[in-house]
Amino acid sequence: MVHVFCHLEEMEDGLAPLCDMTFEIIDKVYDEEASSWRLVFRADATPYEPVGFCAIIPVTGWREQVEGEGDDAFHSFWGPVTLKSLGDDSDRLLALLAEYYGISTTPSASSGWLKKKNFQPKDSLLSAEWSLANSIECFAVGIASNPAAISSDFVRMKLFFDDGVENGRYAEIFLNIDMPQGFCALNEKDEGYRSDLVHWLSQPGDIIANPYAGKQ
């Protein structure tokens, strides 16, 4: 299994690189009724237990936008993407993100009732008690690639987590999926989004982080 940090970019200035994560696609199911792919991603996270998550990618309803003309035209495709939890694998993923970002306070800890538990060393990520949202719908854009063709093409997307409120919680992250080769990358967009990204991912239940939900 590929290691989650196998493609971290080395920085010449000695600073820590952006948090780029790599996963294998371990399961893929097409839902004909919903016209969408359910993709399951997992990666080795040694010295921890594996991490992973699920994504629902629709193949219909993407709105194309074209900027420029002719050979210089830039095509983008807008629509919803839903991330889903796999349970412990996803909770470890969120804890690993928070650890990498230097965010040490979990929602439970800030509430004052976090209690230490007797986890095995490899499950120390779970001991932090981060919990990924059951599901989170966000707004997405296919960058010069159409997510409708995800089964045959390498698709580059940027995900937006937005409450639609001015100066509200807002974050972006890249999600690149290569179904033919069986890999996925979850790449950091900017360090300035770290706090709000963890906020969105750690909300309980089924979350809508797409201000255009139901309007597209």
N, C-alpha and C. Protein backbone atom coordinates (compact mmCIF):
# COMPACT_ATOMS: atom_id res chain seq x y z
N MET A 1 0.85 -1.19 0.00
CA MET A 1 0.00 0.00 0.00
C MET A 1 0.89 1.25 0.00
N VAL A 2 0.52 2.24 -0.79
CA VAL A 2 1.29 3.48 -0.88
C VAL A 2 1.26 4.22 0.45
N HIS A 3 2.39 4.89 0.79
CA HIS A 3 2.41 5.68 2.02
C HIS A 3 1.78 7.04 1.76
N VAL A 4 1.01 7.51 2.71
CA VAL A 4 0.23 8.73 2.55
C VAL A 4 1.12 9.95 2.23
N PHE A 5 2.36 9.95 2.71
CA PHE A 5 3.25 11.09 2.49
C PHE A 5 4.36 10.79 1.47
N CYS A 6 4.12 9.84 0.58
CA CYS A 6 5.18 9.43 -0.35
C CYS A 6 5.53 10.49 -1.39
N HIS A 7 4.66 11.46 -1.58
CA HIS A 7 4.91 12.49 -2.60
C HIS A 7 5.04 13.89 -2.01
N LEU A 8 5.44 13.97 -0.75
CA LEU A 8 5.70 15.30 -0.18
C LEU A 8 6.81 15.98 -0.95
N GLU A 9 6.59 17.26 -1.27
CA GLU A 9 7.59 18.01 -2.02
C GLU A 9 8.68 18.54 -1.09
N GLU A 10 9.93 18.34 -1.47
CA GLU A 10 11.03 18.83 -0.65
C GLU A 10 11.21 20.33 -0.87
N MET A 11 11.31 21.06 0.24
CA MET A 11 11.43 22.51 0.18
C MET A 11 12.91 22.91 0.31
N GLU A 12 13.36 23.82 -0.56
CA GLU A 12 14.76 24.23 -0.55
C GLU A 12 15.11 25.10 0.65
N ASP A 13 14.12 25.80 1.20
CA ASP A 13 14.40 26.72 2.30
C ASP A 13 14.37 26.03 3.66
N GLY A 14 14.17 24.73 3.68
CA GLY A 14 14.18 24.00 4.93
C GLY A 14 12.86 23.99 5.67
N LEU A 15 11.86 24.69 5.12
CA LEU A 15 10.55 24.72 5.75
C LEU A 15 9.80 23.42 5.46
N ALA A 16 8.82 23.12 6.29
CA ALA A 16 8.00 21.93 6.06
C ALA A 16 7.20 22.11 4.77
N PRO A 17 7.11 21.08 3.95
CA PRO A 17 6.34 21.20 2.71
C PRO A 17 4.85 21.27 2.98
N LEU A 18 4.10 21.70 1.96
CA LEU A 18 2.64 21.65 2.07
C LEU A 18 2.21 20.20 2.27
N CYS A 19 1.07 20.04 2.91
CA CYS A 19 0.61 18.70 3.28
C CYS A 19 -0.08 18.04 2.09
N ASP A 20 0.70 17.34 1.26
CA ASP A 20 0.17 16.62 0.11
C ASP A 20 0.09 15.14 0.45
N MET A 21 -1.09 14.56 0.27
CA MET A 21 -1.33 13.17 0.65
C MET A 21 -1.68 12.32 -0.57
N THR A 22 -1.20 11.09 -0.57
CA THR A 22 -1.44 10.16 -1.67
C THR A 22 -2.16 8.92 -1.16
N PHE A 23 -3.11 8.43 -1.94
CA PHE A 23 -3.91 7.26 -1.55
C PHE A 23 -4.07 6.32 -2.74
N GLU A 24 -4.31 5.06 -2.43
CA GLU A 24 -4.73 4.10 -3.45
C GLU A 24 -6.25 4.02 -3.47
N ILE A 25 -6.81 3.81 -4.65
CA ILE A 25 -8.24 3.54 -4.77
C ILE A 25 -8.44 2.05 -4.51
N ILE A 26 -9.06 1.73 -3.37
CA ILE A 26 -9.21 0.32 -3.01
C ILE A 26 -10.60 -0.22 -3.33
N ASP A 27 -11.53 0.66 -3.69
CA ASP A 27 -12.87 0.20 -4.07
C ASP A 27 -13.52 1.28 -4.91
N LYS A 28 -14.26 0.87 -5.92
CA LYS A 28 -14.99 1.81 -6.77
C LYS A 28 -16.29 1.16 -7.22
N VAL A 29 -17.38 1.88 -6.96
CA VAL A 29 -18.71 1.36 -7.29
C VAL A 29 -19.49 2.46 -8.01
N TYR A 30 -20.06 2.12 -9.14
CA TYR A 30 -20.88 3.09 -9.87
C TYR A 30 -22.34 2.90 -9.51
N ASP A 31 -22.97 3.98 -9.06
CA ASP A 31 -24.39 3.98 -8.70
C ASP A 31 -25.18 4.50 -9.90
N GLU A 32 -25.82 3.62 -10.62
CA GLU A 32 -26.54 4.03 -11.83
C GLU A 32 -27.71 4.95 -11.51
N GLU A 33 -28.39 4.68 -10.40
CA GLU A 33 -29.54 5.51 -10.05
C GLU A 33 -29.12 6.95 -9.74
N ALA A 34 -27.99 7.11 -9.04
CA ALA A 34 -27.51 8.45 -8.68
C ALA A 34 -26.54 9.01 -9.71
N SER A 35 -26.18 8.22 -10.71
CA SER A 35 -25.20 8.64 -11.74
C SER A 35 -23.93 9.19 -11.08
N SER A 36 -23.36 8.39 -10.21
CA SER A 36 -22.17 8.84 -9.49
C SER A 36 -21.27 7.66 -9.14
N TRP A 37 -20.00 7.96 -8.96
CA TRP A 37 -19.02 6.98 -8.51
C TRP A 37 -18.81 7.12 -7.01
N ARG A 38 -18.76 5.99 -6.33
CA ARG A 38 -18.35 5.94 -4.93
C ARG A 38 -16.95 5.36 -4.88
N LEU A 39 -15.98 6.19 -4.53
CA LEU A 39 -14.59 5.79 -4.53
C LEU A 39 -14.06 5.74 -3.10
N VAL A 40 -13.35 4.67 -2.76
CA VAL A 40 -12.78 4.52 -1.43
C VAL A 40 -11.25 4.61 -1.56
N PHE A 41 -10.66 5.50 -0.77
CA PHE A 41 -9.22 5.74 -0.81
C PHE A 41 -8.59 5.31 0.52
N ARG A 42 -7.42 4.67 0.44
CA ARG A 42 -6.73 4.24 1.66
C ARG A 42 -5.23 4.33 1.45
N ALA A 43 -4.50 4.61 2.53
CA ALA A 43 -3.05 4.71 2.45
C ALA A 43 -2.40 4.23 3.73
N ASP A 44 -1.19 3.72 3.61
CA ASP A 44 -0.37 3.39 4.76
C ASP A 44 0.04 4.69 5.44
N ALA A 45 0.06 4.70 6.76
CA ALA A 45 0.46 5.90 7.51
C ALA A 45 1.49 5.55 8.58
N THR A 46 2.29 4.51 8.34
CA THR A 46 3.31 4.10 9.29
C THR A 46 4.09 5.32 9.81
N PRO A 47 4.23 5.46 11.12
CA PRO A 47 4.10 4.46 12.18
C PRO A 47 2.68 4.29 12.73
N TYR A 48 1.69 4.91 12.09
CA TYR A 48 0.31 4.78 12.53
C TYR A 48 -0.41 3.72 11.70
N GLU A 49 -1.63 3.42 12.09
CA GLU A 49 -2.50 2.55 11.30
C GLU A 49 -2.93 3.30 10.02
N PRO A 50 -3.47 2.59 9.02
CA PRO A 50 -3.84 3.23 7.75
C PRO A 50 -4.89 4.33 7.92
N VAL A 51 -4.89 5.22 6.94
CA VAL A 51 -5.85 6.33 6.90
C VAL A 51 -6.60 6.27 5.57
N GLY A 52 -7.80 6.87 5.54
CA GLY A 52 -8.55 6.83 4.31
C GLY A 52 -9.85 7.62 4.38
N PHE A 53 -10.52 7.70 3.25
CA PHE A 53 -11.82 8.38 3.18
C PHE A 53 -12.53 7.92 1.91
N CYS A 54 -13.74 8.38 1.75
CA CYS A 54 -14.56 8.03 0.59
C CYS A 54 -15.02 9.32 -0.09
N ALA A 55 -15.20 9.26 -1.40
CA ALA A 55 -15.71 10.42 -2.14
C ALA A 55 -16.81 9.97 -3.10
N ILE A 56 -17.85 10.78 -3.19
CA ILE A 56 -18.94 10.55 -4.15
C ILE A 56 -18.77 11.59 -5.26
N ILE A 57 -18.52 11.10 -6.49
CA ILE A 57 -18.28 11.98 -7.63
C ILE A 57 -19.38 11.77 -8.67
N PRO A 58 -20.27 12.74 -8.85
CA PRO A 58 -21.32 12.60 -9.87
C PRO A 58 -20.72 12.70 -11.27
N VAL A 59 -21.37 12.06 -12.24
CA VAL A 59 -20.90 12.15 -13.62
C VAL A 59 -21.88 12.94 -14.49
N THR A 60 -22.90 13.49 -13.87
CA THR A 60 -23.84 14.37 -14.58
C THR A 60 -23.98 15.68 -13.80
N GLY A 61 -24.46 16.70 -14.49
CA GLY A 61 -24.76 17.97 -13.83
C GLY A 61 -23.60 18.94 -13.72
N TRP A 62 -22.44 18.61 -14.28
CA TRP A 62 -21.31 19.51 -14.21
C TRP A 62 -21.50 20.68 -15.19
N ARG A 63 -21.36 21.89 -14.68
CA ARG A 63 -21.58 23.09 -15.50
C ARG A 63 -20.25 23.57 -16.06
N GLU A 64 -20.15 23.57 -17.38
CA GLU A 64 -18.90 23.96 -18.03
C GLU A 64 -18.78 25.48 -18.13
N GLN A 65 -17.58 25.97 -17.88
CA GLN A 65 -17.26 27.39 -18.02
C GLN A 65 -16.03 27.50 -18.91
N VAL A 66 -16.08 28.37 -19.90
CA VAL A 66 -14.97 28.52 -20.83
C VAL A 66 -14.48 29.96 -20.79
N GLU A 67 -13.18 30.10 -20.56
CA GLU A 67 -12.55 31.42 -20.56
C GLU A 67 -11.53 31.46 -21.69
N GLY A 68 -11.61 32.51 -22.51
CA GLY A 68 -10.72 32.62 -23.65
C GLY A 68 -11.30 31.94 -24.87
N GLU A 69 -10.54 31.97 -25.96
CA GLU A 69 -11.02 31.42 -27.22
C GLU A 69 -9.95 30.56 -27.88
N GLY A 70 -10.41 29.70 -28.76
CA GLY A 70 -9.50 28.90 -29.57
C GLY A 70 -8.58 28.03 -28.73
N ASP A 71 -7.31 27.98 -29.16
CA ASP A 71 -6.33 27.14 -28.47
C ASP A 71 -6.04 27.64 -27.07
N ASP A 72 -6.35 28.90 -26.78
CA ASP A 72 -6.07 29.47 -25.47
C ASP A 72 -7.25 29.32 -24.50
N ALA A 73 -8.33 28.69 -24.96
CA ALA A 73 -9.52 28.55 -24.12
C ALA A 73 -9.22 27.65 -22.92
N PHE A 74 -9.70 28.08 -21.76
CA PHE A 74 -9.53 27.30 -20.53
C PHE A 74 -10.89 26.80 -20.08
N HIS A 75 -11.01 25.48 -19.92
CA HIS A 75 -12.29 24.87 -19.57
C HIS A 75 -12.29 24.44 -18.10
N SER A 76 -13.35 24.79 -17.42
CA SER A 76 -13.54 24.33 -16.04
C SER A 76 -14.97 23.80 -15.91
N PHE A 77 -15.16 22.92 -14.94
CA PHE A 77 -16.44 22.24 -14.78
C PHE A 77 -16.83 22.28 -13.31
N TRP A 78 -18.04 22.83 -13.03
CA TRP A 78 -18.45 23.10 -11.65
C TRP A 78 -19.59 22.19 -11.22
N GLY A 79 -19.48 21.69 -9.98
CA GLY A 79 -20.52 20.82 -9.45
C GLY A 79 -20.20 20.39 -8.02
N PRO A 80 -21.03 19.53 -7.44
CA PRO A 80 -20.83 19.10 -6.05
C PRO A 80 -20.01 17.82 -5.94
N VAL A 81 -19.23 17.72 -4.87
CA VAL A 81 -18.53 16.50 -4.50
C VAL A 81 -18.78 16.27 -3.02
N THR A 82 -19.02 15.03 -2.64
CA THR A 82 -19.27 14.71 -1.23
C THR A 82 -18.17 13.80 -0.70
N LEU A 83 -17.56 14.20 0.40
CA LEU A 83 -16.59 13.37 1.10
C LEU A 83 -17.31 12.64 2.22
N LYS A 84 -16.94 11.36 2.44
CA LYS A 84 -17.62 10.56 3.46
C LYS A 84 -16.59 9.86 4.34
N SER A 85 -16.99 9.64 5.57
CA SER A 85 -16.12 8.99 6.54
C SER A 85 -16.14 7.47 6.37
N LEU A 86 -14.99 6.85 6.65
CA LEU A 86 -14.88 5.39 6.69
C LEU A 86 -14.74 4.90 8.13
N GLY A 87 -15.02 5.77 9.09
CA GLY A 87 -14.86 5.38 10.49
C GLY A 87 -13.46 5.66 10.99
N ASP A 88 -12.82 4.67 11.60
CA ASP A 88 -11.52 4.88 12.22
C ASP A 88 -10.47 5.36 11.23
N ASP A 89 -10.46 4.82 10.00
CA ASP A 89 -9.47 5.25 9.01
C ASP A 89 -9.58 6.76 8.76
N SER A 90 -10.80 7.26 8.69
CA SER A 90 -11.01 8.68 8.42
C SER A 90 -10.73 9.54 9.64
N ASP A 91 -11.05 9.02 10.83
CA ASP A 91 -10.73 9.76 12.05
C ASP A 91 -9.21 9.91 12.19
N ARG A 92 -8.48 8.85 11.84
CA ARG A 92 -7.01 8.94 11.86
C ARG A 92 -6.52 9.96 10.84
N LEU A 93 -7.17 10.01 9.67
CA LEU A 93 -6.77 10.96 8.64
C LEU A 93 -6.90 12.39 9.14
N LEU A 94 -8.03 12.69 9.78
CA LEU A 94 -8.24 14.03 10.31
C LEU A 94 -7.22 14.34 11.40
N ALA A 95 -6.95 13.36 12.27
CA ALA A 95 -5.96 13.56 13.33
C ALA A 95 -4.57 13.79 12.74
N LEU A 96 -4.26 13.08 11.65
CA LEU A 96 -2.96 13.25 11.00
C LEU A 96 -2.85 14.64 10.38
N LEU A 97 -3.92 15.10 9.76
CA LEU A 97 -3.94 16.46 9.22
C LEU A 97 -3.71 17.49 10.32
N ALA A 98 -4.46 17.34 11.42
CA ALA A 98 -4.33 18.28 12.52
C ALA A 98 -2.92 18.26 13.09
N GLU A 99 -2.33 17.06 13.18
CA GLU A 99 -0.96 16.95 13.70
C GLU A 99 0.02 17.65 12.77
N TYR A 100 -0.14 17.43 11.47
CA TYR A 100 0.75 18.07 10.48
C TYR A 100 0.59 19.59 10.51
N TYR A 101 -0.65 20.03 10.67
CA TYR A 101 -0.94 21.47 10.69
C TYR A 101 -0.55 22.14 12.00
N GLY A 102 -0.26 21.33 13.03
CA GLY A 102 0.06 21.91 14.33
C GLY A 102 -1.16 22.35 15.11
N ILE A 103 -2.32 21.74 14.79
CA ILE A 103 -3.56 22.05 15.51
C ILE A 103 -3.77 20.95 16.55
N SER A 104 -3.68 21.28 17.81
CA SER A 104 -3.67 20.26 18.85
C SER A 104 -4.97 20.14 19.64
N THR A 105 -5.87 21.09 19.50
CA THR A 105 -7.10 21.07 20.29
C THR A 105 -8.25 20.48 19.50
N THR A 106 -8.78 19.37 19.97
CA THR A 106 -9.95 18.78 19.34
C THR A 106 -11.21 19.45 19.86
N PRO A 107 -12.33 19.33 19.13
CA PRO A 107 -13.58 19.88 19.64
C PRO A 107 -13.91 19.35 21.03
N SER A 108 -13.65 18.06 21.28
CA SER A 108 -13.96 17.49 22.60
C SER A 108 -13.06 18.06 23.67
N ALA A 109 -11.77 18.30 23.32
CA ALA A 109 -10.85 18.86 24.31
C ALA A 109 -11.25 20.27 24.69
N SER A 110 -11.69 21.05 23.70
CA SER A 110 -12.07 22.42 23.99
C SER A 110 -13.34 22.47 24.84
N SER A 111 -14.10 21.38 24.83
CA SER A 111 -15.31 21.34 25.65
C SER A 111 -15.01 20.90 27.08
N GLY A 112 -13.77 20.49 27.31
CA GLY A 112 -13.35 20.18 28.67
C GLY A 112 -13.59 18.76 29.13
N TRP A 113 -14.05 17.86 28.21
CA TRP A 113 -14.33 16.51 28.68
C TRP A 113 -13.49 15.44 28.00
N LEU A 114 -12.41 15.87 27.33
CA LEU A 114 -11.53 14.89 26.71
C LEU A 114 -10.84 14.05 27.78
N LYS A 115 -10.92 12.74 27.66
CA LYS A 115 -10.29 11.84 28.62
C LYS A 115 -9.28 10.95 27.90
N LYS A 116 -8.16 10.71 28.52
CA LYS A 116 -7.15 9.85 27.94
C LYS A 116 -7.63 8.40 27.96
N LYS A 117 -7.31 7.69 26.87
CA LYS A 117 -7.71 6.29 26.77
C LYS A 117 -6.47 5.43 26.53
N ASN A 118 -6.59 4.15 26.80
CA ASN A 118 -5.46 3.22 26.66
C ASN A 118 -5.44 2.64 25.25
N PHE A 119 -4.93 3.43 24.28
CA PHE A 119 -4.81 2.96 22.91
C PHE A 119 -3.44 2.33 22.71
N GLN A 120 -3.35 1.44 21.73
CA GLN A 120 -2.06 0.91 21.33
C GLN A 120 -1.27 2.02 20.66
N PRO A 121 0.09 1.92 20.64
CA PRO A 121 0.92 2.98 20.06
C PRO A 121 0.51 3.35 18.64
N LYS A 122 0.17 2.35 17.81
CA LYS A 122 -0.19 2.65 16.43
C LYS A 122 -1.51 3.40 16.34
N ASP A 123 -2.33 3.33 17.37
CA ASP A 123 -3.61 4.02 17.34
C ASP A 123 -3.56 5.33 18.13
N SER A 124 -2.37 5.88 18.28
CA SER A 124 -2.26 7.15 19.01
C SER A 124 -3.02 8.26 18.30
N LEU A 125 -3.23 8.14 16.98
CA LEU A 125 -4.03 9.14 16.28
C LEU A 125 -5.47 9.14 16.79
N LEU A 126 -6.00 7.94 17.07
CA LEU A 126 -7.36 7.87 17.57
C LEU A 126 -7.47 8.45 18.98
N SER A 127 -6.39 8.36 19.73
CA SER A 127 -6.43 8.87 21.10
C SER A 127 -6.63 10.38 21.14
N ALA A 128 -6.36 11.05 20.03
CA ALA A 128 -6.59 12.50 19.97
C ALA A 128 -8.07 12.82 19.89
N GLU A 129 -8.89 11.82 19.57
CA GLU A 129 -10.35 11.93 19.52
C GLU A 129 -10.88 12.91 18.47
N TRP A 130 -10.13 13.06 17.38
CA TRP A 130 -10.70 13.76 16.23
C TRP A 130 -11.69 12.83 15.55
N SER A 131 -12.75 13.39 14.99
CA SER A 131 -13.75 12.58 14.30
C SER A 131 -14.18 13.28 13.02
N LEU A 132 -13.96 12.63 11.89
CA LEU A 132 -14.33 13.22 10.60
C LEU A 132 -15.85 13.23 10.46
N ALA A 133 -16.37 14.27 9.85
CA ALA A 133 -17.81 14.36 9.58
C ALA A 133 -18.29 13.10 8.87
N ASN A 134 -19.50 12.68 9.17
CA ASN A 134 -20.07 11.51 8.50
C ASN A 134 -20.08 11.71 6.99
N SER A 135 -20.49 12.91 6.56
CA SER A 135 -20.40 13.29 5.15
C SER A 135 -20.32 14.81 5.07
N ILE A 136 -19.68 15.30 4.03
CA ILE A 136 -19.58 16.74 3.85
C ILE A 136 -19.62 17.06 2.36
N GLU A 137 -20.69 17.75 1.96
CA GLU A 137 -20.83 18.15 0.56
C GLU A 137 -20.14 19.50 0.35
N CYS A 138 -19.27 19.57 -0.63
CA CYS A 138 -18.60 20.82 -0.94
C CYS A 138 -18.77 21.14 -2.42
N PHE A 139 -18.46 22.38 -2.78
CA PHE A 139 -18.51 22.81 -4.17
C PHE A 139 -17.16 22.47 -4.80
N ALA A 140 -17.17 22.02 -6.05
CA ALA A 140 -15.94 21.59 -6.69
C ALA A 140 -15.83 22.15 -8.10
N VAL A 141 -14.59 22.27 -8.56
CA VAL A 141 -14.35 22.65 -9.94
C VAL A 141 -13.32 21.71 -10.54
N GLY A 142 -13.66 21.16 -11.71
CA GLY A 142 -12.71 20.38 -12.47
C GLY A 142 -11.82 21.34 -13.24
N ILE A 143 -10.51 21.27 -12.99
CA ILE A 143 -9.55 22.22 -13.56
C ILE A 143 -9.02 21.66 -14.88
N ALA A 144 -9.52 22.20 -15.98
CA ALA A 144 -9.14 21.73 -17.32
C ALA A 144 -9.35 20.22 -17.44
N SER A 145 -10.30 19.71 -16.72
CA SER A 145 -10.64 18.29 -16.78
C SER A 145 -12.08 18.14 -16.31
N ASN A 146 -12.81 17.26 -16.98
CA ASN A 146 -14.23 17.10 -16.72
C ASN A 146 -14.47 15.89 -15.80
N PRO A 147 -14.96 16.11 -14.57
CA PRO A 147 -15.22 15.00 -13.66
C PRO A 147 -16.22 13.98 -14.22
N ALA A 148 -17.01 14.38 -15.21
CA ALA A 148 -17.95 13.43 -15.81
C ALA A 148 -17.21 12.28 -16.50
N ALA A 149 -15.95 12.51 -16.87
CA ALA A 149 -15.15 11.50 -17.56
C ALA A 149 -14.16 10.82 -16.61
N ILE A 150 -14.46 10.83 -15.31
CA ILE A 150 -13.50 10.37 -14.31
C ILE A 150 -13.12 8.90 -14.47
N SER A 151 -13.98 8.09 -15.03
CA SER A 151 -13.67 6.66 -15.15
C SER A 151 -12.54 6.39 -16.14
N SER A 152 -12.30 7.32 -17.06
CA SER A 152 -11.28 7.11 -18.08
C SER A 152 -10.18 8.16 -18.10
N ASP A 153 -10.40 9.30 -17.44
CA ASP A 153 -9.44 10.40 -17.48
C ASP A 153 -8.91 10.75 -16.10
N PHE A 154 -7.70 11.28 -16.07
CA PHE A 154 -7.14 11.84 -14.85
C PHE A 154 -7.84 13.17 -14.59
N VAL A 155 -8.48 13.31 -13.43
CA VAL A 155 -9.28 14.50 -13.13
C VAL A 155 -8.64 15.30 -12.00
N ARG A 156 -8.42 16.58 -12.26
CA ARG A 156 -7.89 17.51 -11.26
C ARG A 156 -9.03 18.41 -10.79
N MET A 157 -9.28 18.41 -9.49
CA MET A 157 -10.35 19.23 -8.94
C MET A 157 -9.85 20.08 -7.78
N LYS A 158 -10.53 21.17 -7.57
CA LYS A 158 -10.35 21.95 -6.36
C LYS A 158 -11.67 21.96 -5.62
N LEU A 159 -11.62 21.65 -4.31
CA LEU A 159 -12.82 21.61 -3.49
C LEU A 159 -12.90 22.88 -2.65
N PHE A 160 -14.12 23.41 -2.53
CA PHE A 160 -14.37 24.63 -1.76
C PHE A 160 -15.28 24.28 -0.58
N PHE A 161 -14.87 24.68 0.60
CA PHE A 161 -15.68 24.52 1.80
C PHE A 161 -16.11 25.92 2.23
N ASP A 162 -17.40 26.21 2.11
CA ASP A 162 -17.86 27.59 2.25
C ASP A 162 -19.25 27.61 2.88
N ASP A 163 -19.43 28.47 3.89
CA ASP A 163 -20.75 28.59 4.52
C ASP A 163 -21.58 29.71 3.88
N GLY A 164 -20.99 30.37 2.86
CA GLY A 164 -21.73 31.41 2.16
C GLY A 164 -21.88 32.70 2.94
N VAL A 165 -21.20 32.81 4.08
CA VAL A 165 -21.28 33.99 4.93
C VAL A 165 -20.02 34.83 4.73
N GLU A 166 -20.19 36.13 4.57
CA GLU A 166 -19.03 37.00 4.41
C GLU A 166 -18.13 36.90 5.64
N ASN A 167 -16.83 36.68 5.39
CA ASN A 167 -15.84 36.51 6.44
C ASN A 167 -16.13 35.28 7.31
N GLY A 168 -16.84 34.31 6.72
CA GLY A 168 -17.16 33.09 7.45
C GLY A 168 -16.07 32.05 7.28
N ARG A 169 -16.40 30.80 7.61
CA ARG A 169 -15.45 29.70 7.48
C ARG A 169 -15.28 29.32 6.01
N TYR A 170 -14.03 29.34 5.54
CA TYR A 170 -13.78 29.09 4.11
C TYR A 170 -12.43 28.38 3.95
N ALA A 171 -12.42 27.34 3.11
CA ALA A 171 -11.18 26.61 2.86
C ALA A 171 -11.21 26.00 1.46
N GLU A 172 -10.03 25.72 0.94
CA GLU A 172 -9.88 25.08 -0.35
C GLU A 172 -8.84 23.97 -0.23
N ILE A 173 -9.01 22.92 -1.04
CA ILE A 173 -8.03 21.84 -1.10
C ILE A 173 -8.13 21.20 -2.48
N PHE A 174 -7.03 20.66 -2.98
CA PHE A 174 -7.04 19.98 -4.28
C PHE A 174 -7.33 18.49 -4.10
N LEU A 175 -8.15 17.95 -4.99
CA LEU A 175 -8.43 16.51 -5.03
C LEU A 175 -8.20 16.04 -6.46
N ASN A 176 -7.13 15.28 -6.66
CA ASN A 176 -6.80 14.76 -7.98
C ASN A 176 -7.01 13.25 -7.98
N ILE A 177 -7.76 12.76 -8.96
CA ILE A 177 -8.12 11.35 -8.99
C ILE A 177 -7.74 10.74 -10.33
N ASP A 178 -6.99 9.66 -10.28
CA ASP A 178 -6.60 8.91 -11.47
C ASP A 178 -7.19 7.51 -11.35
N MET A 179 -8.43 7.37 -11.77
CA MET A 179 -9.10 6.07 -11.67
C MET A 179 -8.42 5.00 -12.51
N PRO A 180 -8.00 5.31 -13.76
CA PRO A 180 -7.34 4.26 -14.56
C PRO A 180 -6.09 3.69 -13.89
N GLN A 181 -5.32 4.53 -13.18
CA GLN A 181 -4.10 4.08 -12.52
C GLN A 181 -4.35 3.65 -11.07
N GLY A 182 -5.49 4.06 -10.51
CA GLY A 182 -5.86 3.62 -9.16
C GLY A 182 -5.29 4.44 -8.02
N PHE A 183 -5.07 5.74 -8.27
CA PHE A 183 -4.50 6.59 -7.23
C PHE A 183 -5.29 7.89 -7.06
N CYS A 184 -5.09 8.51 -5.92
CA CYS A 184 -5.74 9.78 -5.60
C CYS A 184 -4.76 10.64 -4.81
N ALA A 185 -4.83 11.94 -4.99
CA ALA A 185 -4.01 12.88 -4.22
C ALA A 185 -4.92 13.92 -3.58
N LEU A 186 -4.69 14.17 -2.30
CA LEU A 186 -5.39 15.21 -1.56
C LEU A 186 -4.32 16.23 -1.18
N ASN A 187 -4.24 17.31 -1.93
CA ASN A 187 -3.12 18.24 -1.82
C ASN A 187 -3.53 19.58 -1.23
N GLU A 188 -2.69 20.07 -0.35
CA GLU A 188 -2.96 21.35 0.31
C GLU A 188 -2.90 22.50 -0.69
N LYS A 189 -3.84 23.42 -0.59
CA LYS A 189 -3.87 24.60 -1.45
C LYS A 189 -3.06 25.74 -0.85
N ASP A 190 -3.26 26.02 0.43
CA ASP A 190 -2.58 27.14 1.07
C ASP A 190 -2.64 26.94 2.58
N GLU A 191 -1.55 27.26 3.26
CA GLU A 191 -1.51 27.09 4.71
C GLU A 191 -2.56 27.93 5.42
N GLY A 192 -2.98 29.03 4.81
CA GLY A 192 -3.97 29.90 5.43
C GLY A 192 -5.33 29.26 5.60
N TYR A 193 -5.58 28.13 4.90
CA TYR A 193 -6.87 27.46 4.99
C TYR A 193 -6.89 26.36 6.06
N ARG A 194 -5.79 26.11 6.72
CA ARG A 194 -5.68 24.94 7.59
C ARG A 194 -6.74 24.92 8.70
N SER A 195 -6.85 26.01 9.42
CA SER A 195 -7.77 26.04 10.55
C SER A 195 -9.21 25.81 10.11
N ASP A 196 -9.63 26.50 9.06
CA ASP A 196 -11.02 26.36 8.60
C ASP A 196 -11.27 25.00 7.97
N LEU A 197 -10.26 24.42 7.31
CA LEU A 197 -10.43 23.08 6.75
C LEU A 197 -10.68 22.06 7.85
N VAL A 198 -9.88 22.12 8.92
CA VAL A 198 -10.07 21.20 10.04
C VAL A 198 -11.43 21.45 10.69
N HIS A 199 -11.83 22.72 10.78
CA HIS A 199 -13.15 23.04 11.33
C HIS A 199 -14.24 22.31 10.55
N TRP A 200 -14.22 22.44 9.22
CA TRP A 200 -15.25 21.82 8.40
C TRP A 200 -15.23 20.30 8.53
N LEU A 201 -14.04 19.71 8.44
CA LEU A 201 -13.94 18.25 8.45
C LEU A 201 -14.32 17.64 9.79
N SER A 202 -14.23 18.42 10.85
CA SER A 202 -14.50 17.88 12.19
C SER A 202 -15.92 18.14 12.68
N GLN A 203 -16.78 18.71 11.82
CA GLN A 203 -18.16 18.94 12.24
C GLN A 203 -18.92 17.61 12.32
N PRO A 204 -19.80 17.44 13.29
CA PRO A 204 -20.52 16.17 13.43
C PRO A 204 -21.67 16.03 12.44
N GLY A 205 -21.94 14.80 12.04
CA GLY A 205 -23.11 14.54 11.21
C GLY A 205 -22.87 14.73 9.73
N ASP A 206 -23.94 15.07 9.02
CA ASP A 206 -23.90 15.29 7.57
C ASP A 206 -23.88 16.79 7.31
N ILE A 207 -22.80 17.27 6.72
CA ILE A 207 -22.53 18.70 6.63
C ILE A 207 -22.65 19.20 5.19
N ILE A 208 -23.23 20.37 5.04
CA ILE A 208 -23.29 21.05 3.75
C ILE A 208 -22.31 22.22 3.80
N ALA A 209 -21.22 22.11 3.05
CA ALA A 209 -20.23 23.18 2.95
C ALA A 209 -20.25 23.76 1.54
N ASN A 210 -21.42 23.67 0.91
CA ASN A 210 -21.62 24.12 -0.46
C ASN A 210 -22.79 25.11 -0.46
N PRO A 211 -22.49 26.40 -0.55
CA PRO A 211 -23.58 27.40 -0.52
C PRO A 211 -24.52 27.32 -1.71
N TYR A 212 -24.14 26.55 -2.74
CA TYR A 212 -24.97 26.41 -3.95
C TYR A 212 -25.78 25.12 -3.95
N ALA A 213 -25.73 24.37 -2.87
CA ALA A 213 -26.46 23.10 -2.79
C ALA A 213 -27.94 23.32 -3.08
N GLY A 214 -28.49 22.55 -4.00
CA GLY A 214 -29.90 22.66 -4.35
C GLY A 214 -30.22 23.77 -5.31
N LYS A 215 -29.19 24.55 -5.71
CA LYS A 215 -29.42 25.69 -6.61
C LYS A 215 -28.79 25.48 -7.97
N GLN A 216 -28.02 24.38 -8.12
CA GLN A 216 -27.27 24.19 -9.35
C GLN A 216 -28.14 23.62 -10.45
